[in-house]
Amino acid sequence: MEERGVTQYALIKKYHVSPAQITRLKRNESVSTHTVEMFCRILNCQAGDLMTYIPDEDAPNEQETQSVPS
């Protein structure tokens, strides 16, 4: 946001973003696709500029969940 010259204050006052949405992003909590789209529109960026996919280490990957042919 800093690179784009958009402050948290502007997000709240000018773009009507709720403080709760900002907090969720700061805490790396889940947000809706609508929220991601809204931030992309405001900041003129792509979703990948806002987030990075980090696999859950505890979740089995696709290869582990596929059955082995007999």
PDB file of N, CA and C in Angstrom:
ATOM      1  N   MET A   1       0.828  -1.188   0.000  1.00  0.00           N
ATOM      2  CA  MET A   1       0.000   0.000   0.000  1.00  0.00           C
ATOM      3  C   MET A   1       0.871   1.250   0.000  1.00  0.00           C
ATOM      4  N   GLU A   2       1.956   1.167   0.730  1.00  0.00           N
ATOM      5  CA  GLU A   2       2.845   2.316   0.812  1.00  0.00           C
ATOM      6  C   GLU A   2       3.378   2.699  -0.567  1.00  0.00           C
ATOM      7  N   GLU A   3       3.730   1.673  -1.373  1.00  0.00           N
ATOM      8  CA  GLU A   3       4.244   1.929  -2.720  1.00  0.00           C
ATOM      9  C   GLU A   3       3.213   2.646  -3.583  1.00  0.00           C
ATOM     10  N   ARG A   4       1.943   2.375  -3.332  1.00  0.00           N
ATOM     11  CA  ARG A   4       0.863   2.959  -4.135  1.00  0.00           C
ATOM     12  C   ARG A   4       0.366   4.282  -3.560  1.00  0.00           C
ATOM     13  N   GLY A   5       0.913   4.675  -2.387  1.00  0.00           N
ATOM     14  CA  GLY A   5       0.505   5.931  -1.777  1.00  0.00           C
ATOM     15  C   GLY A   5      -0.872   5.890  -1.153  1.00  0.00           C
ATOM     16  N   VAL A   6      -1.303   4.700  -0.720  1.00  0.00           N
ATOM     17  CA  VAL A   6      -2.614   4.543  -0.100  1.00  0.00           C
ATOM     18  C   VAL A   6      -2.408   4.186   1.370  1.00  0.00           C
ATOM     19  N   THR A   7      -2.949   4.994   2.247  1.00  0.00           N
ATOM     20  CA  THR A   7      -2.811   4.752   3.686  1.00  0.00           C
ATOM     21  C   THR A   7      -4.005   3.960   4.204  1.00  0.00           C
ATOM     22  N   GLN A   8      -3.848   3.422   5.395  1.00  0.00           N
ATOM     23  CA  GLN A   8      -4.977   2.735   6.030  1.00  0.00           C
ATOM     24  C   GLN A   8      -6.129   3.708   6.230  1.00  0.00           C
ATOM     25  N   TYR A   9      -5.811   4.915   6.594  1.00  0.00           N
ATOM     26  CA  TYR A   9      -6.835   5.940   6.792  1.00  0.00           C
ATOM     27  C   TYR A   9      -7.634   6.145   5.505  1.00  0.00           C
ATOM     28  N   ALA A  10      -6.923   6.226   4.371  1.00  0.00           N
ATOM     29  CA  ALA A  10      -7.600   6.411   3.086  1.00  0.00           C
ATOM     30  C   ALA A  10      -8.470   5.200   2.752  1.00  0.00           C
ATOM     31  N   LEU A  11      -7.963   4.006   3.037  1.00  0.00           N
ATOM     32  CA  LEU A  11      -8.768   2.802   2.777  1.00  0.00           C
ATOM     33  C   LEU A  11     -10.092   2.866   3.527  1.00  0.00           C
ATOM     34  N   ILE A  12     -10.018   3.315   4.771  1.00  0.00           N
ATOM     35  CA  ILE A  12     -11.220   3.359   5.603  1.00  0.00           C
ATOM     36  C   ILE A  12     -12.135   4.520   5.203  1.00  0.00           C
ATOM     37  N   LYS A  13     -11.578   5.706   5.082  1.00  0.00           N
ATOM     38  CA  LYS A  13     -12.395   6.903   4.841  1.00  0.00           C
ATOM     39  C   LYS A  13     -12.797   7.092   3.379  1.00  0.00           C
ATOM     40  N   LYS A  14     -11.844   6.928   2.457  1.00  0.00           N
ATOM     41  CA  LYS A  14     -12.127   7.195   1.049  1.00  0.00           C
ATOM     42  C   LYS A  14     -12.769   6.007   0.343  1.00  0.00           C
ATOM     43  N   TYR A  15     -12.272   4.794   0.663  1.00  0.00           N
ATOM     44  CA  TYR A  15     -12.739   3.605  -0.049  1.00  0.00           C
ATOM     45  C   TYR A  15     -13.718   2.761   0.764  1.00  0.00           C
ATOM     46  N   HIS A  16     -14.007   3.184   1.985  1.00  0.00           N
ATOM     47  CA  HIS A  16     -14.995   2.520   2.852  1.00  0.00           C
ATOM     48  C   HIS A  16     -14.650   1.053   3.140  1.00  0.00           C
ATOM     49  N   VAL A  17     -13.371   0.775   3.288  1.00  0.00           N
ATOM     50  CA  VAL A  17     -12.920  -0.565   3.680  1.00  0.00           C
ATOM     51  C   VAL A  17     -13.072  -0.658   5.193  1.00  0.00           C
ATOM     52  N   SER A  18     -13.627  -1.743   5.678  1.00  0.00           N
ATOM     53  CA  SER A  18     -13.803  -1.865   7.123  1.00  0.00           C
ATOM     54  C   SER A  18     -12.457  -2.139   7.797  1.00  0.00           C
ATOM     55  N   PRO A  19     -12.255  -1.578   8.977  1.00  0.00           N
ATOM     56  CA  PRO A  19     -11.021  -1.844   9.713  1.00  0.00           C
ATOM     57  C   PRO A  19     -10.812  -3.339   9.963  1.00  0.00           C
ATOM     58  N   ALA A  20     -11.908  -4.087  10.093  1.00  0.00           N
ATOM     59  CA  ALA A  20     -11.803  -5.531  10.320  1.00  0.00           C
ATOM     60  C   ALA A  20     -11.153  -6.229   9.123  1.00  0.00           C
ATOM     61  N   GLN A  21     -11.455  -5.790   7.915  1.00  0.00           N
ATOM     62  CA  GLN A  21     -10.835  -6.388   6.725  1.00  0.00           C
ATOM     63  C   GLN A  21      -9.336  -6.116   6.703  1.00  0.00           C
ATOM     64  N   ILE A  22      -8.945  -4.923   7.063  1.00  0.00           N
ATOM     65  CA  ILE A  22      -7.528  -4.578   7.117  1.00  0.00           C
ATOM     66  C   ILE A  22      -6.825  -5.428   8.169  1.00  0.00           C
ATOM     67  N   THR A  23      -7.445  -5.574   9.316  1.00  0.00           N
ATOM     68  CA  THR A  23      -6.872  -6.384  10.394  1.00  0.00           C
ATOM     69  C   THR A  23      -6.706  -7.832   9.959  1.00  0.00           C
ATOM     70  N   ARG A  24      -7.703  -8.385   9.268  1.00  0.00           N
ATOM     71  CA  ARG A  24      -7.619  -9.774   8.807  1.00  0.00           C
ATOM     72  C   ARG A  24      -6.437  -9.964   7.863  1.00  0.00           C
ATOM     73  N   LEU A  25      -6.224  -9.009   6.980  1.00  0.00           N
ATOM     74  CA  LEU A  25      -5.084  -9.091   6.059  1.00  0.00           C
ATOM     75  C   LEU A  25      -3.757  -8.999   6.813  1.00  0.00           C
ATOM     76  N   LYS A  26      -3.680  -8.095   7.766  1.00  0.00           N
ATOM     77  CA  LYS A  26      -2.445  -7.936   8.544  1.00  0.00           C
ATOM     78  C   LYS A  26      -2.102  -9.196   9.333  1.00  0.00           C
ATOM     79  N   ARG A  27      -3.127  -9.896   9.791  1.00  0.00           N
ATOM     80  CA  ARG A  27      -2.927 -11.103  10.598  1.00  0.00           C
ATOM     81  C   ARG A  27      -2.824 -12.371   9.748  1.00  0.00           C
ATOM     82  N   ASN A  28      -2.809 -12.206   8.431  1.00  0.00           N
ATOM     83  CA  ASN A  28      -2.769 -13.340   7.504  1.00  0.00           C
ATOM     84  C   ASN A  28      -3.933 -14.295   7.723  1.00  0.00           C
ATOM     85  N   GLU A  29      -5.101 -13.747   8.033  1.00  0.00           N
ATOM     86  CA  GLU A  29      -6.310 -14.542   8.185  1.00  0.00           C
ATOM     87  C   GLU A  29      -7.029 -14.603   6.841  1.00  0.00           C
ATOM     88  N   SER A  30      -7.970 -15.510   6.746  1.00  0.00           N
ATOM     89  CA  SER A  30      -8.678 -15.671   5.477  1.00  0.00           C
ATOM     90  C   SER A  30      -9.569 -14.460   5.193  1.00  0.00           C
ATOM     91  N   VAL A  31      -9.659 -14.129   3.914  1.00  0.00           N
ATOM     92  CA  VAL A  31     -10.539 -13.063   3.452  1.00  0.00           C
ATOM     93  C   VAL A  31     -11.277 -13.573   2.220  1.00  0.00           C
ATOM     94  N   SER A  32     -12.384 -12.956   1.915  1.00  0.00           N
ATOM     95  CA  SER A  32     -13.186 -13.380   0.768  1.00  0.00           C
ATOM     96  C   SER A  32     -12.545 -12.926  -0.539  1.00  0.00           C
ATOM     97  N   THR A  33     -12.964 -13.562  -1.616  1.00  0.00           N
ATOM     98  CA  THR A  33     -12.482 -13.146  -2.934  1.00  0.00           C
ATOM     99  C   THR A  33     -12.960 -11.723  -3.254  1.00  0.00           C
ATOM    100  N   HIS A  34     -14.100 -11.353  -2.703  1.00  0.00           N
ATOM    101  CA  HIS A  34     -14.598  -9.993  -2.884  1.00  0.00           C
ATOM    102  C   HIS A  34     -13.613  -8.986  -2.279  1.00  0.00           C
ATOM    103  N   THR A  35     -13.090  -9.297  -1.097  1.00  0.00           N
ATOM    104  CA  THR A  35     -12.119  -8.419  -0.436  1.00  0.00           C
ATOM    105  C   THR A  35     -10.842  -8.320  -1.254  1.00  0.00           C
ATOM    106  N   VAL A  36     -10.364  -9.446  -1.769  1.00  0.00           N
ATOM    107  CA  VAL A  36      -9.157  -9.445  -2.602  1.00  0.00           C
ATOM    108  C   VAL A  36      -9.393  -8.592  -3.845  1.00  0.00           C
ATOM    109  N   GLU A  37     -10.543  -8.766  -4.481  1.00  0.00           N
ATOM    110  CA  GLU A  37     -10.877  -7.989  -5.686  1.00  0.00           C
ATOM    111  C   GLU A  37     -10.929  -6.505  -5.371  1.00  0.00           C
ATOM    112  N   MET A  38     -11.509  -6.154  -4.235  1.00  0.00           N
ATOM    113  CA  MET A  38     -11.632  -4.759  -3.832  1.00  0.00           C
ATOM    114  C   MET A  38     -10.243  -4.129  -3.640  1.00  0.00           C
ATOM    115  N   PHE A  39      -9.351  -4.832  -2.961  1.00  0.00           N
ATOM    116  CA  PHE A  39      -7.999  -4.311  -2.757  1.00  0.00           C
ATOM    117  C   PHE A  39      -7.246  -4.196  -4.083  1.00  0.00           C
ATOM    118  N   CYS A  40      -7.419  -5.170  -4.966  1.00  0.00           N
ATOM    119  CA  CYS A  40      -6.769  -5.105  -6.277  1.00  0.00           C
ATOM    120  C   CYS A  40      -7.251  -3.893  -7.068  1.00  0.00           C
ATOM    121  N   ARG A  41      -8.527  -3.617  -6.999  1.00  0.00           N
ATOM    122  CA  ARG A  41      -9.091  -2.469  -7.704  1.00  0.00           C
ATOM    123  C   ARG A  41      -8.554  -1.164  -7.118  1.00  0.00           C
ATOM    124  N   ILE A  42      -8.553  -1.057  -5.799  1.00  0.00           N
ATOM    125  CA  ILE A  42      -8.077   0.168  -5.140  1.00  0.00           C
ATOM    126  C   ILE A  42      -6.591   0.398  -5.415  1.00  0.00           C
ATOM    127  N   LEU A  43      -5.798  -0.677  -5.316  1.00  0.00           N
ATOM    128  CA  LEU A  43      -4.345  -0.554  -5.440  1.00  0.00           C
ATOM    129  C   LEU A  43      -3.843  -0.744  -6.871  1.00  0.00           C
ATOM    130  N   ASN A  44      -4.774  -1.042  -7.791  1.00  0.00           N
ATOM    131  CA  ASN A  44      -4.421  -1.279  -9.193  1.00  0.00           C
ATOM    132  C   ASN A  44      -3.311  -2.331  -9.299  1.00  0.00           C
ATOM    133  N   CYS A  45      -3.608  -3.516  -8.765  1.00  0.00           N
ATOM    134  CA  CYS A  45      -2.619  -4.589  -8.765  1.00  0.00           C
ATOM    135  C   CYS A  45      -3.308  -5.933  -9.018  1.00  0.00           C
ATOM    136  N   GLN A  46      -2.532  -6.988  -9.049  1.00  0.00           N
ATOM    137  CA  GLN A  46      -3.042  -8.348  -9.231  1.00  0.00           C
ATOM    138  C   GLN A  46      -3.089  -9.050  -7.876  1.00  0.00           C
ATOM    139  N   ALA A  47      -3.904 -10.086  -7.779  1.00  0.00           N
ATOM    140  CA  ALA A  47      -4.033 -10.832  -6.520  1.00  0.00           C
ATOM    141  C   ALA A  47      -2.677 -11.337  -6.029  1.00  0.00           C
ATOM    142  N   GLY A  48      -1.814 -11.756  -6.944  1.00  0.00           N
ATOM    143  CA  GLY A  48      -0.493 -12.244  -6.570  1.00  0.00           C
ATOM    144  C   GLY A  48       0.391 -11.178  -5.952  1.00  0.00           C
ATOM    145  N   ASP A  49       0.051  -9.914  -6.166  1.00  0.00           N
ATOM    146  CA  ASP A  49       0.789  -8.828  -5.529  1.00  0.00           C
ATOM    147  C   ASP A  49       0.411  -8.690  -4.056  1.00  0.00           C
ATOM    148  N   LEU A  50      -0.760  -9.222  -3.703  1.00  0.00           N
ATOM    149  CA  LEU A  50      -1.257  -9.115  -2.332  1.00  0.00           C
ATOM    150  C   LEU A  50      -0.945 -10.332  -1.482  1.00  0.00           C
ATOM    151  N   MET A  51      -0.823 -11.485  -2.112  1.00  0.00           N
ATOM    152  CA  MET A  51      -0.685 -12.710  -1.334  1.00  0.00           C
ATOM    153  C   MET A  51       0.196 -13.726  -2.030  1.00  0.00           C
ATOM    154  N   THR A  52       0.655 -14.674  -1.239  1.00  0.00           N
ATOM    155  CA  THR A  52       1.467 -15.780  -1.718  1.00  0.00           C
ATOM    156  C   THR A  52       0.881 -17.066  -1.155  1.00  0.00           C
ATOM    157  N   TYR A  53       0.779 -18.090  -1.975  1.00  0.00           N
ATOM    158  CA  TYR A  53       0.278 -19.381  -1.515  1.00  0.00           C
ATOM    159  C   TYR A  53       1.389 -20.096  -0.753  1.00  0.00           C
ATOM    160  N   ILE A  54       1.079 -20.507   0.466  1.00  0.00           N
ATOM    161  CA  ILE A  54       2.010 -21.286   1.278  1.00  0.00           C
ATOM    162  C   ILE A  54       1.273 -22.563   1.669  1.00  0.00           C
ATOM    163  N   PRO A  55       1.721 -23.716   1.159  1.00  0.00           N
ATOM    164  CA  PRO A  55       1.029 -24.971   1.464  1.00  0.00           C
ATOM    165  C   PRO A  55       1.032 -25.274   2.958  1.00  0.00           C
ATOM    166  N   ASP A  56      -0.035 -25.875   3.408  1.00  0.00           N
ATOM    167  CA  ASP A  56      -0.146 -26.316   4.791  1.00  0.00           C
ATOM    168  C   ASP A  56       0.725 -27.550   4.950  1.00  0.00           C
ATOM    169  N   GLU A  57       1.708 -27.491   5.825  1.00  0.00           N
ATOM    170  CA  GLU A  57       2.643 -28.605   5.984  1.00  0.00           C
ATOM    171  C   GLU A  57       1.964 -29.872   6.497  1.00  0.00           C
ATOM    172  N   ASP A  58       0.874 -29.735   7.232  1.00  0.00           N
ATOM    173  CA  ASP A  58       0.190 -30.880   7.811  1.00  0.00           C
ATOM    174  C   ASP A  58      -0.798 -31.546   6.858  1.00  0.00           C
ATOM    175  N   ALA A  59      -1.193 -30.821   5.821  1.00  0.00           N
ATOM    176  CA  ALA A  59      -2.178 -31.373   4.882  1.00  0.00           C
ATOM    177  C   ALA A  59      -1.489 -32.311   3.899  1.00  0.00           C
ATOM    178  N   PRO A  60      -2.115 -33.455   3.615  1.00  0.00           N
ATOM    179  CA  PRO A  60      -1.523 -34.358   2.620  1.00  0.00           C
ATOM    180  C   PRO A  60      -1.578 -33.722   1.238  1.00  0.00           C
ATOM    181  N   ASN A  61      -0.538 -33.966   0.439  1.00  0.00           N
ATOM    182  CA  ASN A  61      -0.566 -33.414  -0.909  1.00  0.00           C
ATOM    183  C   ASN A  61      -1.350 -34.355  -1.818  1.00  0.00           C
ATOM    184  N   GLU A  62      -1.598 -33.945  -3.024  1.00  0.00           N
ATOM    185  CA  GLU A  62      -2.445 -34.705  -3.964  1.00  0.00           C
ATOM    186  C   GLU A  62      -1.872 -36.096  -4.223  1.00  0.00           C
ATOM    187  N   GLN A  63      -0.577 -36.208  -4.365  1.00  0.00           N
ATOM    188  CA  GLN A  63       0.041 -37.494  -4.653  1.00  0.00           C
ATOM    189  C   GLN A  63      -0.161 -38.474  -3.493  1.00  0.00           C
ATOM    190  N   GLU A  64      -0.146 -37.971  -2.262  1.00  0.00           N
ATOM    191  CA  GLU A  64      -0.311 -38.839  -1.100  1.00  0.00           C
ATOM    192  C   GLU A  64      -1.745 -39.349  -0.972  1.00  0.00           C
ATOM    193  N   THR A  65      -2.721 -38.607  -1.508  1.00  0.00           N
ATOM    194  CA  THR A  65      -4.106 -38.987  -1.358  1.00  0.00           C
ATOM    195  C   THR A  65      -4.617 -39.869  -2.496  1.00  0.00           C
ATOM    196  N   GLN A  66      -3.843 -39.994  -3.582  1.00  0.00           N
ATOM    197  CA  GLN A  66      -4.255 -40.836  -4.687  1.00  0.00           C
ATOM    198  C   GLN A  66      -3.974 -42.289  -4.347  1.00  0.00           C
ATOM    199  N   SER A  67      -4.878 -43.171  -4.781  1.00  0.00           N
ATOM    200  CA  SER A  67      -4.664 -44.605  -4.527  1.00  0.00           C
ATOM    201  C   SER A  67      -3.619 -45.156  -5.476  1.00  0.00           C
ATOM    202  N   VAL A  68      -2.919 -46.125  -5.002  1.00  0.00           N
ATOM    203  CA  VAL A  68      -1.882 -46.784  -5.801  1.00  0.00           C
ATOM    204  C   VAL A  68      -2.533 -47.874  -6.620  1.00  0.00           C
ATOM    205  N   PRO A  69      -2.311 -47.916  -7.954  1.00  0.00           N
ATOM    206  CA  PRO A  69      -2.930 -48.962  -8.775  1.00  0.00           C
ATOM    207  C   PRO A  69      -2.413 -50.334  -8.378  1.00  0.00           C
ATOM    208  N   SER A  70      -3.295 -51.338  -8.442  1.00  0.00           N
ATOM    209  CA  SER A  70      -2.892 -52.682  -8.065  1.00  0.00           C
ATOM    210  C   SER A  70      -2.336 -53.446  -9.232  1.00  0.00           C
TER     211      SER A  70
END
